[in-house]
Each structure stands twice: as structure tokens, then as C-alpha cells.
PDB file of N, CA and C in Angstrom:
ATOM      1  N   MET A   1     100.154 122.520 120.116  1.00  0.00           N
ATOM      2  CA  MET A   1      99.460 123.241 121.159  1.00  0.00           C
ATOM      3  C   MET A   1      99.153 124.662 120.703  1.00  0.00           C
ATOM      4  N   ALA A   2      98.203 124.817 119.881  1.00  0.00           N
ATOM      5  CA  ALA A   2      97.841 126.141 119.408  1.00  0.00           C
ATOM      6  C   ALA A   2      96.824 126.753 120.360  1.00  0.00           C
ATOM      7  N   LEU A   3      96.905 128.047 120.474  1.00  0.00           N
ATOM      8  CA  LEU A   3      95.907 128.744 121.266  1.00  0.00           C
ATOM      9  C   LEU A   3      94.601 128.750 120.488  1.00  0.00           C
ATOM     10  N   LEU A   4      93.523 129.057 121.154  1.00  0.00           N
ATOM     11  CA  LEU A   4      92.210 129.087 120.532  1.00  0.00           C
ATOM     12  C   LEU A   4      92.231 130.015 119.323  1.00  0.00           C
ATOM     13  N   GLY A   5      91.879 129.497 118.176  1.00  0.00           N
ATOM     14  CA  GLY A   5      91.826 130.307 116.972  1.00  0.00           C
ATOM     15  C   GLY A   5      93.158 130.420 116.251  1.00  0.00           C
ATOM     16  N   GLU A   6      94.214 129.793 116.749  1.00  0.00           N
ATOM     17  CA  GLU A   6      95.514 129.845 116.089  1.00  0.00           C
ATOM     18  C   GLU A   6      95.819 128.507 115.433  1.00  0.00           C
ATOM     19  N   LYS A   7      96.581 128.606 114.339  1.00  0.00           N
ATOM     20  CA  LYS A   7      97.001 127.388 113.654  1.00  0.00           C
ATOM     21  C   LYS A   7      98.254 126.843 114.345  1.00  0.00           C
ATOM     22  N   PRO A   8      98.461 125.535 114.293  1.00  0.00           N
ATOM     23  CA  PRO A   8      99.720 124.992 114.818  1.00  0.00           C
ATOM     24  C   PRO A   8     100.881 125.493 113.959  1.00  0.00           C
ATOM     25  N   LEU A   9     102.061 125.539 114.547  1.00  0.00           N
ATOM     26  CA  LEU A   9     103.246 125.987 113.812  1.00  0.00           C
ATOM     27  C   LEU A   9     103.575 124.998 112.711  1.00  0.00           C
ATOM     28  N   ASP A  10     103.832 125.503 111.529  1.00  0.00           N
ATOM     29  CA  ASP A  10     104.289 124.614 110.468  1.00  0.00           C
ATOM     30  C   ASP A  10     105.780 124.359 110.668  1.00  0.00           C
ATOM     31  N   ALA A  11     106.335 123.476 109.880  1.00  0.00           N
ATOM     32  CA  ALA A  11     107.733 123.058 110.066  1.00  0.00           C
ATOM     33  C   ALA A  11     108.683 124.242 109.935  1.00  0.00           C
ATOM     34  N   GLU A  12     108.431 125.128 108.998  1.00  0.00           N
ATOM     35  CA  GLU A  12     109.331 126.268 108.789  1.00  0.00           C
ATOM     36  C   GLU A  12     109.327 127.211 109.997  1.00  0.00           C
ATOM     37  N   ASN A  13     108.137 127.513 110.519  1.00  0.00           N
ATOM     38  CA  ASN A  13     108.052 128.384 111.701  1.00  0.00           C
ATOM     39  C   ASN A  13     108.618 127.709 112.937  1.00  0.00           C
ATOM     40  N   ARG A  14     108.376 126.403 113.059  1.00  0.00           N
ATOM     41  CA  ARG A  14     108.913 125.660 114.199  1.00  0.00           C
ATOM     42  C   ARG A  14     110.439 125.660 114.155  1.00  0.00           C
ATOM     43  N   ASP A  15     110.991 125.483 112.953  1.00  0.00           N
ATOM     44  CA  ASP A  15     112.445 125.533 112.801  1.00  0.00           C
ATOM     45  C   ASP A  15     112.987 126.919 113.135  1.00  0.00           C
ATOM     46  N   ALA A  16     112.275 127.941 112.742  1.00  0.00           N
ATOM     47  CA  ALA A  16     112.710 129.309 113.045  1.00  0.00           C
ATOM     48  C   ALA A  16     112.702 129.550 114.554  1.00  0.00           C
ATOM     49  N   VAL A  17     111.677 129.063 115.219  1.00  0.00           N
ATOM     50  CA  VAL A  17     111.605 129.203 116.686  1.00  0.00           C
ATOM     51  C   VAL A  17     112.745 128.423 117.330  1.00  0.00           C
ATOM     52  N   THR A  18     112.984 127.216 116.831  1.00  0.00           N
ATOM     53  CA  THR A  18     114.080 126.403 117.373  1.00  0.00           C
ATOM     54  C   THR A  18     115.423 127.101 117.182  1.00  0.00           C
ATOM     55  N   ARG A  19     115.653 127.617 115.971  1.00  0.00           N
ATOM     56  CA  ARG A  19     116.908 128.345 115.717  1.00  0.00           C
ATOM     57  C   ARG A  19     117.037 129.542 116.660  1.00  0.00           C
ATOM     58  N   GLY A  20     115.938 130.240 116.854  1.00  0.00           N
ATOM     59  CA  GLY A  20     115.967 131.391 117.748  1.00  0.00           C
ATOM     60  C   GLY A  20     116.311 130.996 119.171  1.00  0.00           C
ATOM     61  N   LEU A  21     115.707 129.913 119.647  1.00  0.00           N
ATOM     62  CA  LEU A  21     116.011 129.442 121.001  1.00  0.00           C
ATOM     63  C   LEU A  21     117.459 128.986 121.121  1.00  0.00           C
ATOM     64  N   VAL A  22     117.936 128.266 120.114  1.00  0.00           N
ATOM     65  CA  VAL A  22     119.326 127.805 120.131  1.00  0.00           C
ATOM     66  C   VAL A  22     120.264 129.007 120.128  1.00  0.00           C
ATOM     67  N   ASP A  23     119.981 129.984 119.257  1.00  0.00           N
ATOM     68  CA  ASP A  23     120.815 131.185 119.194  1.00  0.00           C
ATOM     69  C   ASP A  23     120.774 131.962 120.505  1.00  0.00           C
ATOM     70  N   LEU A  24     119.651 131.910 121.186  1.00  0.00           N
ATOM     71  CA  LEU A  24     119.507 132.602 122.461  1.00  0.00           C
ATOM     72  C   LEU A  24     120.248 131.876 123.584  1.00  0.00           C
ATOM     73  N   LEU A  25     120.164 130.552 123.609  1.00  0.00           N
ATOM     74  CA  LEU A  25     120.742 129.769 124.705  1.00  0.00           C
ATOM     75  C   LEU A  25     122.240 129.528 124.566  1.00  0.00           C
ATOM     76  N   LYS A  26     122.730 129.376 123.341  1.00  0.00           N
ATOM     77  CA  LYS A  26     124.130 129.003 123.133  1.00  0.00           C
ATOM     78  C   LYS A  26     125.109 129.969 123.802  1.00  0.00           C
ATOM     79  N   PRO A  27     124.986 131.280 123.658  1.00  0.00           N
ATOM     80  CA  PRO A  27     125.946 132.171 124.327  1.00  0.00           C
ATOM     81  C   PRO A  27     125.894 132.049 125.852  1.00  0.00           C
ATOM     82  N   ALA A  28     124.709 131.877 126.406  1.00  0.00           N
ATOM     83  CA  ALA A  28     124.590 131.739 127.858  1.00  0.00           C
ATOM     84  C   ALA A  28     125.243 130.449 128.330  1.00  0.00           C
ATOM     85  N   VAL A  29     125.028 129.367 127.614  1.00  0.00           N
ATOM     86  CA  VAL A  29     125.645 128.084 127.970  1.00  0.00           C
ATOM     87  C   VAL A  29     127.160 128.190 127.864  1.00  0.00           C
ATOM     88  N   ASP A  30     127.640 128.823 126.799  1.00  0.00           N
ATOM     89  CA  ASP A  30     129.084 128.987 126.628  1.00  0.00           C
ATOM     90  C   ASP A  30     129.687 129.806 127.763  1.00  0.00           C
ATOM     91  N   GLU A  31     129.004 130.894 128.144  1.00  0.00           N
ATOM     92  CA  GLU A  31     129.517 131.741 129.224  1.00  0.00           C
ATOM     93  C   GLU A  31     129.525 130.996 130.560  1.00  0.00           C
ATOM     94  N   ILE A  32     128.457 130.289 130.854  1.00  0.00           N
ATOM     95  CA  ILE A  32     128.399 129.516 132.098  1.00  0.00           C
ATOM     96  C   ILE A  32     129.493 128.459 132.107  1.00  0.00           C
ATOM     97  N   ASP A  33     129.696 127.816 130.981  1.00  0.00           N
ATOM     98  CA  ASP A  33     130.733 126.792 130.878  1.00  0.00           C
ATOM     99  C   ASP A  33     132.105 127.385 131.187  1.00  0.00           C
ATOM    100  N   GLU A  34     132.415 128.543 130.628  1.00  0.00           N
ATOM    101  CA  GLU A  34     133.705 129.189 130.884  1.00  0.00           C
ATOM    102  C   GLU A  34     133.847 129.579 132.360  1.00  0.00           C
ATOM    103  N   ARG A  35     132.788 130.066 132.934  1.00  0.00           N
ATOM    104  CA  ARG A  35     132.852 130.461 134.350  1.00  0.00           C
ATOM    105  C   ARG A  35     133.020 129.255 135.262  1.00  0.00           C
ATOM    106  N   VAL A  36     132.348 128.169 134.940  1.00  0.00           N
ATOM    107  CA  VAL A  36     132.505 126.945 135.737  1.00  0.00           C
ATOM    108  C   VAL A  36     133.940 126.445 135.632  1.00  0.00           C
ATOM    109  N   LYS A  37     134.514 126.503 134.430  1.00  0.00           N
ATOM    110  CA  LYS A  37     135.912 126.092 134.264  1.00  0.00           C
ATOM    111  C   LYS A  37     136.826 126.952 135.137  1.00  0.00           C
ATOM    112  N   GLY A  38     136.582 128.256 135.154  1.00  0.00           N
ATOM    113  CA  GLY A  38     137.395 129.152 135.975  1.00  0.00           C
ATOM    114  C   GLY A  38     137.274 128.844 137.460  1.00  0.00           C
ATOM    115  N   VAL A  39     136.069 128.584 137.915  1.00  0.00           N
ATOM    116  CA  VAL A  39     135.853 128.259 139.329  1.00  0.00           C
ATOM    117  C   VAL A  39     136.528 126.933 139.668  1.00  0.00           C
ATOM    118  N   ARG A  40     136.426 125.964 138.764  1.00  0.00           N
ATOM    119  CA  ARG A  40     137.072 124.671 139.014  1.00  0.00           C
ATOM    120  C   ARG A  40     138.576 124.832 139.128  1.00  0.00           C
ATOM    121  N   GLU A  41     139.156 125.642 138.259  1.00  0.00           N
ATOM    122  CA  GLU A  41     140.599 125.884 138.336  1.00  0.00           C
ATOM    123  C   GLU A  41     140.961 126.546 139.665  1.00  0.00           C
ATOM    124  N   SER A  42     140.151 127.498 140.103  1.00  0.00           N
ATOM    125  CA  SER A  42     140.390 128.148 141.396  1.00  0.00           C
ATOM    126  C   SER A  42     140.276 127.150 142.537  1.00  0.00           C
ATOM    127  N   GLN A  43     139.312 126.242 142.438  1.00  0.00           N
ATOM    128  CA  GLN A  43     139.123 125.234 143.477  1.00  0.00           C
ATOM    129  C   GLN A  43     140.334 124.302 143.555  1.00  0.00           C
ATOM    130  N   VAL A  44     140.864 123.922 142.411  1.00  0.00           N
ATOM    131  CA  VAL A  44     142.045 123.054 142.396  1.00  0.00           C
ATOM    132  C   VAL A  44     143.229 123.782 143.024  1.00  0.00           C
ATOM    133  N   GLU A  45     143.400 125.046 142.657  1.00  0.00           N
ATOM    134  CA  GLU A  45     144.497 125.828 143.224  1.00  0.00           C
ATOM    135  C   GLU A  45     144.329 125.980 144.741  1.00  0.00           C
ATOM    136  N   LEU A  46     143.101 126.242 145.174  1.00  0.00           N
ATOM    137  CA  LEU A  46     142.839 126.371 146.614  1.00  0.00           C
ATOM    138  C   LEU A  46     143.143 125.064 147.336  1.00  0.00           C
ATOM    139  N   ARG A  47     142.721 123.949 146.756  1.00  0.00           N
ATOM    140  CA  ARG A  47     143.001 122.653 147.378  1.00  0.00           C
ATOM    141  C   ARG A  47     144.499 122.411 147.488  1.00  0.00           C
ATOM    142  N   GLN A  48     145.245 122.774 146.458  1.00  0.00           N
ATOM    143  CA  GLN A  48     146.696 122.603 146.494  1.00  0.00           C
ATOM    144  C   GLN A  48     147.321 123.476 147.586  1.00  0.00           C
ATOM    145  N   GLN A  49     146.838 124.687 147.726  1.00  0.00           N
ATOM    146  CA  GLN A  49     147.368 125.573 148.761  1.00  0.00           C
ATOM    147  C   GLN A  49     147.023 125.062 150.156  1.00  0.00           C
ATOM    148  N   ILE A  50     145.830 124.520 150.328  1.00  0.00           N
ATOM    149  CA  ILE A  50     145.447 123.930 151.618  1.00  0.00           C
ATOM    150  C   ILE A  50     146.348 122.742 151.931  1.00  0.00           C
ATOM    151  N   ASP A  51     146.592 121.902 150.933  1.00  0.00           N
ATOM    152  CA  ASP A  51     147.474 120.739 151.133  1.00  0.00           C
ATOM    153  C   ASP A  51     148.873 121.194 151.563  1.00  0.00           C
ATOM    154  N   THR A  52     149.395 122.199 150.876  1.00  0.00           N
ATOM    155  CA  THR A  52     150.725 122.716 151.210  1.00  0.00           C
ATOM    156  C   THR A  52     150.745 123.279 152.620  1.00  0.00           C
ATOM    157  N   LEU A  53     149.737 124.028 152.977  1.00  0.00           N
ATOM    158  CA  LEU A  53     149.664 124.610 154.318  1.00  0.00           C
ATOM    159  C   LEU A  53     149.558 123.523 155.385  1.00  0.00           C
ATOM    160  N   CYS A  54     148.760 122.502 155.113  1.00  0.00           N
ATOM    161  CA  CYS A  54     148.646 121.381 156.058  1.00  0.00           C
ATOM    162  C   CYS A  54     149.999 120.713 156.269  1.00  0.00           C
ATOM    163  N   GLU A  55     150.697 120.461 155.185  1.00  0.00           N
ATOM    164  CA  GLU A  55     152.009 119.833 155.290  1.00  0.00           C
ATOM    165  C   GLU A  55     152.971 120.720 156.077  1.00  0.00           C
ATOM    166  N   ASP A  56     152.954 122.012 155.810  1.00  0.00           N
ATOM    167  CA  ASP A  56     153.825 122.946 156.539  1.00  0.00           C
ATOM    168  C   ASP A  56     153.509 122.959 158.027  1.00  0.00           C
ATOM    169  N   LEU A  57     152.230 122.989 158.352  1.00  0.00           N
ATOM    170  CA  LEU A  57     151.845 123.000 159.770  1.00  0.00           C
ATOM    171  C   LEU A  57     152.242 121.698 160.461  1.00  0.00           C
ATOM    172  N   LYS A  58     152.075 120.583 159.790  1.00  0.00           N
ATOM    173  CA  LYS A  58     152.471 119.303 160.376  1.00  0.00           C
ATOM    174  C   LYS A  58     153.982 119.270 160.613  1.00  0.00           C
ATOM    175  N   ARG A  59     154.731 119.736 159.628  1.00  0.00           N
ATOM    176  CA  ARG A  59     156.184 119.760 159.759  1.00  0.00           C
ATOM    177  C   ARG A  59     156.614 120.664 160.920  1.00  0.00           C
ATOM    178  N   ILE A  60     155.997 121.808 161.030  1.00  0.00           N
ATOM    179  CA  ILE A  60     156.329 122.739 162.117  1.00  0.00           C
ATOM    180  C   ILE A  60     156.013 122.117 163.462  1.00  0.00           C
ATOM    181  N   SER A  61     154.823 121.517 163.559  1.00  0.00           N
ATOM    182  CA  SER A  61     154.429 120.943 164.852  1.00  0.00           C
ATOM    183  C   SER A  61     155.286 119.742 165.234  1.00  0.00           C
ATOM    184  N   GLU A  62     155.789 119.004 164.256  1.00  0.00           N
ATOM    185  CA  GLU A  62     156.626 117.839 164.540  1.00  0.00           C
ATOM    186  C   GLU A  62     158.068 118.225 164.867  1.00  0.00           C
ATOM    187  N   SER A  63     158.550 119.288 164.259  1.00  0.00           N
ATOM    188  CA  SER A  63     159.971 119.613 164.409  1.00  0.00           C
ATOM    189  C   SER A  63     160.274 120.487 165.632  1.00  0.00           C
ATOM    190  N   ASP A  64     159.500 121.485 165.873  1.00  0.00           N
ATOM    191  CA  ASP A  64     159.773 122.423 166.965  1.00  0.00           C
ATOM    192  C   ASP A  64     158.653 122.399 167.984  1.00  0.00           C
ATOM    193  N   PRO A  65     159.051 122.517 169.235  1.00  0.00           N
ATOM    194  CA  PRO A  65     157.988 122.684 170.229  1.00  0.00           C
ATOM    195  C   PRO A  65     157.343 124.055 170.031  1.00  0.00           C
ATOM    196  N   VAL A  66     156.071 124.042 169.757  1.00  0.00           N
ATOM    197  CA  VAL A  66     155.342 125.284 169.486  1.00  0.00           C
ATOM    198  C   VAL A  66     154.427 125.572 170.664  1.00  0.00           C
ATOM    199  N   PRO A  67     154.400 126.840 171.093  1.00  0.00           N
ATOM    200  CA  PRO A  67     153.518 127.159 172.212  1.00  0.00           C
ATOM    201  C   PRO A  67     152.039 126.967 171.864  1.00  0.00           C
ATOM    202  N   LEU A  68     151.720 126.984 170.601  1.00  0.00           N
ATOM    203  CA  LEU A  68     150.336 126.771 170.174  1.00  0.00           C
ATOM    204  C   LEU A  68     150.142 125.324 169.750  1.00  0.00           C
ATOM    205  N   GLU A  69     148.977 124.825 169.996  1.00  0.00           N
ATOM    206  CA  GLU A  69     148.627 123.501 169.499  1.00  0.00           C
ATOM    207  C   GLU A  69     148.090 123.680 168.083  1.00  0.00           C
ATOM    208  N   LEU A  70     148.786 123.131 167.104  1.00  0.00           N
ATOM    209  CA  LEU A  70     148.416 123.328 165.704  1.00  0.00           C
ATOM    210  C   LEU A  70     147.423 122.285 165.191  1.00  0.00           C
ATOM    211  N   GLU A  71     147.247 121.217 165.924  1.00  0.00           N
ATOM    212  CA  GLU A  71     146.372 120.137 165.470  1.00  0.00           C
ATOM    213  C   GLU A  71     144.948 120.613 165.148  1.00  0.00           C
ATOM    214  N   PRO A  72     144.327 121.471 165.962  1.00  0.00           N
ATOM    215  CA  PRO A  72     142.974 121.940 165.603  1.00  0.00           C
ATOM    216  C   PRO A  72     142.954 122.691 164.267  1.00  0.00           C
ATOM    217  N   TYR A  73     144.031 123.415 163.984  1.00  0.00           N
ATOM    218  CA  TYR A  73     144.093 124.154 162.726  1.00  0.00           C
ATOM    219  C   TYR A  73     144.282 123.211 161.538  1.00  0.00           C
ATOM    220  N   VAL A  74     145.062 122.187 161.772  1.00  0.00           N
ATOM    221  CA  VAL A  74     145.248 121.186 160.721  1.00  0.00           C
ATOM    222  C   VAL A  74     143.913 120.493 160.439  1.00  0.00           C
ATOM    223  N   LYS A  75     143.169 120.193 161.496  1.00  0.00           N
ATOM    224  CA  LYS A  75     141.859 119.558 161.320  1.00  0.00           C
ATOM    225  C   LYS A  75     140.911 120.483 160.561  1.00  0.00           C
ATOM    226  N   LYS A  76     140.940 121.764 160.878  1.00  0.00           N
ATOM    227  CA  LYS A  76     140.084 122.721 160.165  1.00  0.00           C
ATOM    228  C   LYS A  76     140.476 122.801 158.689  1.00  0.00           C
ATOM    229  N   LEU A  77     141.771 122.798 158.440  1.00  0.00           N
ATOM    230  CA  LEU A  77     142.223 122.832 157.055  1.00  0.00           C
ATOM    231  C   LEU A  77     141.796 121.573 156.307  1.00  0.00           C
ATOM    232  N   ASN A  78     141.904 120.434 156.963  1.00  0.00           N
ATOM    233  CA  ASN A  78     141.465 119.188 156.331  1.00  0.00           C
ATOM    234  C   ASN A  78     139.968 119.215 156.047  1.00  0.00           C
ATOM    235  N   SER A  79     139.217 119.778 156.979  1.00  0.00           N
ATOM    236  CA  SER A  79     137.780 119.928 156.773  1.00  0.00           C
ATOM    237  C   SER A  79     137.499 120.855 155.591  1.00  0.00           C
ATOM    238  N   SER A  80     138.247 121.939 155.527  1.00  0.00           N
ATOM    239  CA  SER A  80     138.091 122.867 154.397  1.00  0.00           C
ATOM    240  C   SER A  80     138.456 122.178 153.092  1.00  0.00           C
ATOM    241  N   ARG A  81     139.490 121.386 153.138  1.00  0.00           N
ATOM    242  CA  ARG A  81     139.915 120.659 151.940  1.00  0.00           C
ATOM    243  C   ARG A  81     138.809 119.724 151.467  1.00  0.00           C
ATOM    244  N   ARG A  82     138.170 119.015 152.381  1.00  0.00           N
ATOM    245  CA  ARG A  82     137.069 118.123 152.012  1.00  0.00           C
ATOM    246  C   ARG A  82     135.924 118.908 151.377  1.00  0.00           C
ATOM    247  N   ARG A  83     135.615 120.066 151.945  1.00  0.00           N
ATOM    248  CA  ARG A  83     134.541 120.890 151.378  1.00  0.00           C
ATOM    249  C   ARG A  83     134.913 121.388 149.983  1.00  0.00           C
ATOM    250  N   VAL A  84     136.165 121.782 149.810  1.00  0.00           N
ATOM    251  CA  VAL A  84     136.624 122.228 148.489  1.00  0.00           C
ATOM    252  C   VAL A  84     136.499 121.082 147.488  1.00  0.00           C
ATOM    253  N   MET A  85     136.862 119.887 147.907  1.00  0.00           N
ATOM    254  CA  MET A  85     136.761 118.730 147.017  1.00  0.00           C
ATOM    255  C   MET A  85     135.298 118.433 146.676  1.00  0.00           C
ATOM    256  N   LEU A  86     134.397 118.609 147.645  1.00  0.00           N
ATOM    257  CA  LEU A  86     132.969 118.401 147.398  1.00  0.00           C
ATOM    258  C   LEU A  86     132.454 119.425 146.386  1.00  0.00           C
ATOM    259  N   VAL A  87     132.814 120.682 146.591  1.00  0.00           N
ATOM    260  CA  VAL A  87     132.405 121.730 145.647  1.00  0.00           C
ATOM    261  C   VAL A  87     132.973 121.434 144.268  1.00  0.00           C
ATOM    262  N   ASN A  88     134.204 120.981 144.222  1.00  0.00           N
ATOM    263  CA  ASN A  88     134.830 120.646 142.945  1.00  0.00           C
ATOM    264  C   ASN A  88     134.071 119.517 142.252  1.00  0.00           C
ATOM    265  N   SER A  89     133.640 118.547 143.012  1.00  0.00           N
ATOM    266  CA  SER A  89     132.867 117.443 142.447  1.00  0.00           C
ATOM    267  C   SER A  89     131.530 117.948 141.888  1.00  0.00           C
ATOM    268  N   ILE A  90     130.880 118.816 142.636  1.00  0.00           N
ATOM    269  CA  ILE A  90     129.614 119.395 142.170  1.00  0.00           C
ATOM    270  C   ILE A  90     129.852 120.196 140.889  1.00  0.00           C
ATOM    271  N   LEU A  91     130.921 120.978 140.876  1.00  0.00           N
ATOM    272  CA  LEU A  91     131.242 121.768 139.690  1.00  0.00           C
ATOM    273  C   LEU A  91     131.543 120.863 138.492  1.00  0.00           C
ATOM    274  N   GLN A  92     132.199 119.746 138.743  1.00  0.00           N
ATOM    275  CA  GLN A  92     132.479 118.802 137.661  1.00  0.00           C
ATOM    276  C   GLN A  92     131.175 118.280 137.070  1.00  0.00           C
ATOM    277  N   ASN A  93     130.208 117.956 137.933  1.00  0.00           N
ATOM    278  CA  ASN A  93     128.910 117.481 137.447  1.00  0.00           C
ATOM    279  C   ASN A  93     128.203 118.569 136.637  1.00  0.00           C
ATOM    280  N   VAL A  94     128.268 119.812 137.124  1.00  0.00           N
ATOM    281  CA  VAL A  94     127.657 120.927 136.392  1.00  0.00           C
ATOM    282  C   VAL A  94     128.338 121.085 135.036  1.00  0.00           C
ATOM    283  N   GLN A  95     129.666 121.023 135.037  1.00  0.00           N
ATOM    284  CA  GLN A  95     130.404 121.168 133.779  1.00  0.00           C
ATOM    285  C   GLN A  95     130.045 120.044 132.808  1.00  0.00           C
ATOM    286  N   ASP A  96     129.925 118.832 133.302  1.00  0.00           N
ATOM    287  CA  ASP A  96     129.543 117.710 132.441  1.00  0.00           C
ATOM    288  C   ASP A  96     128.163 117.950 131.824  1.00  0.00           C
ATOM    289  N   ARG A  97     127.227 118.426 132.640  1.00  0.00           N
ATOM    290  CA  ARG A  97     125.880 118.714 132.128  1.00  0.00           C
ATOM    291  C   ARG A  97     125.918 119.833 131.103  1.00  0.00           C
ATOM    292  N   LEU A  98     126.709 120.866 131.380  1.00  0.00           N
ATOM    293  CA  LEU A  98     126.837 121.966 130.424  1.00  0.00           C
ATOM    294  C   LEU A  98     127.454 121.488 129.112  1.00  0.00           C
ATOM    295  N   ASN A  99     128.454 120.624 129.208  1.00  0.00           N
ATOM    296  CA  ASN A  99     129.070 120.092 127.996  1.00  0.00           C
ATOM    297  C   ASN A  99     128.059 119.293 127.174  1.00  0.00           C
ATOM    298  N   LYS A 100     127.242 118.496 127.851  1.00  0.00           N
ATOM    299  CA  LYS A 100     126.209 117.730 127.143  1.00  0.00           C
ATOM    300  C   LYS A 100     125.212 118.671 126.482  1.00  0.00           C
ATOM    301  N   LEU A 101     124.788 119.710 127.216  1.00  0.00           N
ATOM    302  CA  LEU A 101     123.855 120.688 126.664  1.00  0.00           C
ATOM    303  C   LEU A 101     124.479 121.404 125.468  1.00  0.00           C
ATOM    304  N   HIS A 102     125.734 121.783 125.607  1.00  0.00           N
ATOM    305  CA  HIS A 102     126.451 122.456 124.517  1.00  0.00           C
ATOM    306  C   HIS A 102     126.524 121.547 123.296  1.00  0.00           C
ATOM    307  N   ASN A 103     126.853 120.276 123.497  1.00  0.00           N
ATOM    308  CA  ASN A 103     126.919 119.322 122.387  1.00  0.00           C
ATOM    309  C   ASN A 103     125.552 119.144 121.729  1.00  0.00           C
ATOM    310  N   ASN A 104     124.512 119.052 122.547  1.00  0.00           N
ATOM    311  CA  ASN A 104     123.163 118.901 121.996  1.00  0.00           C
ATOM    312  C   ASN A 104     122.764 120.127 121.187  1.00  0.00           C
ATOM    313  N   ILE A 105     123.106 121.306 121.679  1.00  0.00           N
ATOM    314  CA  ILE A 105     122.800 122.534 120.948  1.00  0.00           C
ATOM    315  C   ILE A 105     123.555 122.543 119.627  1.00  0.00           C
ATOM    316  N   SER A 106     124.826 122.173 119.656  1.00  0.00           N
ATOM    317  CA  SER A 106     125.626 122.152 118.431  1.00  0.00           C
ATOM    318  C   SER A 106     125.070 121.145 117.424  1.00  0.00           C
ATOM    319  N   LYS A 107     124.705 119.959 117.915  1.00  0.00           N
ATOM    320  CA  LYS A 107     124.143 118.941 117.029  1.00  0.00           C
ATOM    321  C   LYS A 107     122.826 119.416 116.421  1.00  0.00           C
ATOM    322  N   GLU A 108     121.979 120.009 117.259  1.00  0.00           N
ATOM    323  CA  GLU A 108     120.686 120.488 116.772  1.00  0.00           C
ATOM    324  C   GLU A 108     120.874 121.615 115.767  1.00  0.00           C
ATOM    325  N   THR A 109     121.814 122.500 116.022  1.00  0.00           N
ATOM    326  CA  THR A 109     122.095 123.589 115.089  1.00  0.00           C
ATOM    327  C   THR A 109     122.585 123.026 113.756  1.00  0.00           C
ATOM    328  N   ALA A 110     123.506 122.075 113.810  1.00  0.00           N
ATOM    329  CA  ALA A 110     124.022 121.462 112.586  1.00  0.00           C
ATOM    330  C   ALA A 110     122.911 120.731 111.837  1.00  0.00           C
ATOM    331  N   ARG A 111     122.071 120.032 112.564  1.00  0.00           N
ATOM    332  CA  ARG A 111     120.968 119.302 111.942  1.00  0.00           C
ATOM    333  C   ARG A 111     120.014 120.260 111.252  1.00  0.00           C
ATOM    334  N   ARG A 112     119.699 121.350 111.928  1.00  0.00           N
ATOM    335  CA  ARG A 112     118.783 122.338 111.346  1.00  0.00           C
ATOM    336  C   ARG A 112     119.399 122.999 110.115  1.00  0.00           C
ATOM    337  N   LYS A 113     120.685 123.258 110.169  1.00  0.00           N
ATOM    338  CA  LYS A 113     121.346 123.883 109.016  1.00  0.00           C
ATOM    339  C   LYS A 113     121.308 122.961 107.818  1.00  0.00           C
ATOM    340  N   THR A 114     121.560 121.662 108.034  1.00  0.00           N
ATOM    341  CA  THR A 114     121.526 120.732 106.904  1.00  0.00           C
ATOM    342  C   THR A 114     120.112 120.578 106.366  1.00  0.00           C
ATOM    343  N   MET A 115     119.114 120.666 107.231  1.00  0.00           N
ATOM    344  CA  MET A 115     117.728 120.568 106.777  1.00  0.00           C
ATOM    345  C   MET A 115     117.352 121.790 105.947  1.00  0.00           C
ATOM    346  N   LEU A 116     117.889 122.940 106.297  1.00  0.00           N
ATOM    347  CA  LEU A 116     117.523 124.180 105.619  1.00  0.00           C
ATOM    348  C   LEU A 116     118.384 124.467 104.402  1.00  0.00           C
ATOM    349  N   ASP A 117     119.538 123.831 104.296  1.00  0.00           N
ATOM    350  CA  ASP A 117     120.466 124.084 103.189  1.00  0.00           C
ATOM    351  C   ASP A 117     120.033 123.259 101.975  1.00  0.00           C
ATOM    352  N   PRO A 118     119.539 123.923 100.928  1.00  0.00           N
ATOM    353  CA  PRO A 118     119.053 123.172  99.761  1.00  0.00           C
ATOM    354  C   PRO A 118     120.176 122.468  98.995  1.00  0.00           C
ATOM    355  N   SER A 119     121.424 122.876  99.190  1.00  0.00           N
ATOM    356  CA  SER A 119     122.529 122.230  98.464  1.00  0.00           C
ATOM    357  C   SER A 119     123.088 121.030  99.208  1.00  0.00           C
ATOM    358  N   SER A 120     122.550 120.736 100.386  1.00  0.00           N
ATOM    359  CA  SER A 120     123.053 119.591 101.153  1.00  0.00           C
ATOM    360  C   SER A 120     122.642 118.291 100.477  1.00  0.00           C
ATOM    361  N   PRO A 121     123.420 117.228 100.674  1.00  0.00           N
ATOM    362  CA  PRO A 121     123.122 115.929 100.019  1.00  0.00           C
ATOM    363  C   PRO A 121     121.749 115.391 100.359  1.00  0.00           C
ATOM    364  N   THR A 122     121.215 115.691 101.548  1.00  0.00           N
ATOM    365  CA  THR A 122     119.904 115.150 101.911  1.00  0.00           C
ATOM    366  C   THR A 122     118.798 115.787 101.113  1.00  0.00           C
ATOM    367  N   HIS A 123     119.015 117.009 100.609  1.00  0.00           N
ATOM    368  CA  HIS A 123     117.987 117.673  99.825  1.00  0.00           C
ATOM    369  C   HIS A 123     118.118 117.380  98.342  1.00  0.00           C
ATOM    370  N   GLN A 124     119.190 116.711  97.925  1.00  0.00           N
ATOM    371  CA  GLN A 124     119.392 116.444  96.502  1.00  0.00           C
ATOM    372  C   GLN A 124     118.888 115.067  96.091  1.00  0.00           C
ATOM    373  N   LYS A 125     118.268 114.369  96.982  1.00  0.00           N
ATOM    374  CA  LYS A 125     117.761 113.017  96.664  1.00  0.00           C
ATOM    375  C   LYS A 125     116.529 113.099  95.803  1.00  0.00           C
TER     376      LYS A 125
END
């Protein structure tokens, strides 16, 4: 797809553009991947704390007569727990996609390096 009056990119220029794009995208993908991992860990911790709080509230409501009705709060916590689990599932899908993108970038980078390295076995044939 050359512009009017321009030549199409030759293999060397196309490889240079590809390397540039890979070099540009890889740090961003790595950073997003790390942040998603951090959020997922926070989500797991939050879910565990919600579970613990739910259990504590159930135990309190079962053991002692409480002037407050705790059941609505337990229901809200369970609802929050479901939402946390949904967000965690979405984050897992994002992380899986990022991992695939990261792997593809790594494979493409390795492939380009072997193509450009004159001492590689593929160039010695």
C-alpha cells in the first residue's frame, strides 16, 4: 500500500518498521500485564475478605440475638462477592489475551532476529 509516487517497502524496511513496532509495543504490553496481575491479586484478596466477613456475620447472627437484622448485609456482601468474581473473570480473560500478545511479540522478535542474524543456521544454507 504505497502512497502515490512512493515505492512499496522492501523487506529490510518492512522488517525495520516491524522491529520498531514490536519495540514500541512490548514495554506497554509488559506494563499492562503486570498491572492486570496486581489487580487480580487484589481482587482475590478482596473476595477472601468478603468471604470471611460473610462467615463472621452469619456466625454472629446465628449465635447472639442482634438488634439489627444482618441478613440484608450478608446479601449485599454476597452480591459484592459475585461482582468481584465477575471482574476477576474479566481480568483473567484480559490477562490471557495479554499473555498471547506477549508470546506473539516474543516469537516475532525472535523470528526477526534469526532472519537478520547472518550467523544463524538458516542463513548458512
